[in-house]
């Protein structure tokens, strides 16, 4: 089974996360800029309130058995300081039914648990 890991991290931490994933053997990542807010509802600096804060989303499809290792790798490299801080980000995990390579049309989905591979 394949899963999609989407990590929303501080923009200044994105390169650290990408490097850590590459070094760990997970080079395939899609990166894009996003903006949003969490529970803290933005940030107030002086008289100005910023409702949406710039973040970077990193998205990767991996084998389910690699999930814990990849999440730990992301958390270690995205965390601010030893204990972390509000705004360090979130990680979302969801199942992936199929993965198709556009150029070849090949479906590259791992067999479900208990199924034999072809």
Protein backbone atom coordinates (compact mmCIF):
# COMPACT_ATOMS: atom_id res chain seq x y z
CA UNK A 1 0.00 0.00 0.00
CA UNK A 2 1.14 3.53 -0.78
CA UNK A 3 0.46 6.63 1.29
CA UNK A 4 0.75 10.34 0.66
CA UNK A 5 2.56 12.43 3.25
CA UNK A 6 1.88 16.16 3.11
CA UNK A 7 3.99 18.28 5.42
CA UNK A 8 3.32 21.96 5.93
CA UNK A 9 6.48 23.53 7.35
CA UNK A 10 8.08 26.91 7.93
CA UNK A 11 9.61 28.16 4.63
CA UNK A 12 13.03 28.52 6.28
CA UNK A 13 12.91 24.83 7.29
CA UNK A 14 11.88 23.42 3.89
CA UNK A 15 15.43 22.95 2.59
CA UNK A 16 16.42 21.19 5.84
CA UNK A 17 13.50 18.79 5.42
CA UNK A 18 14.30 18.18 1.73
CA UNK A 19 17.94 17.46 2.57
CA UNK A 20 16.98 15.09 5.41
CA UNK A 21 14.55 13.20 3.16
CA UNK A 22 17.14 12.96 0.38
CA UNK A 23 19.79 11.69 2.79
CA UNK A 24 17.28 9.15 4.14
CA UNK A 25 16.61 7.77 0.65
CA UNK A 26 13.35 9.59 -0.14
CA UNK A 27 14.25 12.06 -2.92
CA UNK A 28 10.82 12.27 -4.62
CA UNK A 29 9.08 15.34 -3.20
CA UNK A 30 6.79 18.01 -4.63
CA UNK A 31 7.28 21.44 -3.06
CA UNK A 32 5.01 24.46 -3.26
CA UNK A 33 4.31 27.67 -1.39
CA UNK A 34 1.08 27.93 0.59
CA UNK A 35 -0.41 30.33 3.12
CA UNK A 36 -2.71 29.64 6.01
CA UNK A 37 -3.20 29.68 9.74
CA UNK A 38 -3.49 27.22 12.56
CA UNK A 39 -5.10 27.32 15.98
CA UNK A 40 -3.32 30.56 16.83
CA UNK A 41 -5.35 32.31 14.07
CA UNK A 42 -2.45 34.11 12.49
CA UNK A 43 0.01 36.43 14.17
CA UNK A 44 -0.16 40.01 15.45
CA UNK A 45 2.90 42.24 15.08
CA UNK A 46 2.34 45.68 16.54
CA UNK A 47 -0.99 46.95 15.23
CA UNK A 48 -1.03 44.63 12.22
CA UNK A 49 -2.62 41.18 12.29
CA UNK A 50 -1.55 38.67 9.65
CA UNK A 51 -4.39 36.17 9.19
CA UNK A 52 -2.44 33.98 6.79
CA UNK A 53 1.16 33.03 7.30
CA UNK A 54 3.44 31.83 4.46
CA UNK A 55 4.36 28.14 4.68
CA UNK A 56 5.82 25.50 2.39
CA UNK A 57 4.01 22.26 1.60
CA UNK A 58 6.08 19.18 0.82
CA UNK A 59 4.24 16.23 -0.67
CA UNK A 60 5.56 12.72 -1.17
CA UNK A 61 4.07 9.31 -1.94
CA UNK A 62 5.82 6.49 -0.11
CA UNK A 63 5.28 2.86 0.83
CA UNK A 64 3.16 2.49 3.98
CA UNK A 65 5.90 0.59 5.80
CA UNK A 66 8.15 3.68 5.53
CA UNK A 67 5.57 6.01 7.11
CA UNK A 68 6.93 6.20 10.67
CA UNK A 69 10.52 6.71 9.51
CA UNK A 70 9.57 9.45 7.02
CA UNK A 71 7.36 11.27 9.53
CA UNK A 72 10.10 11.17 12.18
CA UNK A 73 12.61 12.46 9.62
CA UNK A 74 10.32 15.36 8.72
CA UNK A 75 9.57 16.20 12.36
CA UNK A 76 13.22 16.23 13.39
CA UNK A 77 14.27 18.46 10.51
CA UNK A 78 11.25 20.83 10.59
CA UNK A 79 11.11 21.43 14.34
CA UNK A 80 12.31 24.77 15.72
CA UNK A 81 14.77 24.09 18.51
CA UNK A 82 14.76 20.96 20.64
CA UNK A 83 11.14 21.20 21.75
CA UNK A 84 9.58 22.92 18.75
CA UNK A 85 7.26 25.93 18.68
CA UNK A 86 3.80 27.00 17.54
CA UNK A 87 3.81 27.38 13.77
CA UNK A 88 6.32 24.60 13.07
CA UNK A 89 3.70 22.92 10.89
CA UNK A 90 1.52 19.87 10.43
CA UNK A 91 1.87 16.50 8.72
CA UNK A 92 -1.10 14.86 7.01
CA UNK A 93 -1.11 11.21 5.92
CA UNK A 94 -3.66 9.67 3.54
CA UNK A 95 -3.93 6.45 1.55
CA UNK A 96 -3.14 6.37 -2.17
CA UNK A 97 -5.09 3.94 -4.32
CA UNK A 98 -3.04 4.09 -7.52
CA UNK A 99 0.08 5.79 -8.87
CA UNK A 100 0.42 6.22 -12.63
CA UNK A 101 3.51 7.32 -14.53
CA UNK A 102 2.32 9.71 -17.21
CA UNK A 103 5.06 8.96 -19.77
CA UNK A 104 4.63 5.17 -19.71
CA UNK A 105 1.07 4.81 -18.48
CA UNK A 106 2.27 2.19 -15.99
CA UNK A 107 0.36 1.82 -12.75
CA UNK A 108 2.93 1.44 -9.95
CA UNK A 109 0.84 0.60 -6.90
CA UNK A 110 2.13 -1.74 -4.24
CA UNK A 111 -0.12 -4.72 -3.45
CA UNK A 112 -2.40 -4.42 -0.44
CA UNK A 113 -1.48 -6.26 2.73
CA UNK A 114 -1.93 -9.98 2.29
CA UNK A 115 -1.91 -9.80 -1.50
CA UNK A 116 0.79 -11.43 -3.59
CA UNK A 117 2.77 -9.15 -5.85
CA UNK A 118 2.61 -9.76 -9.59
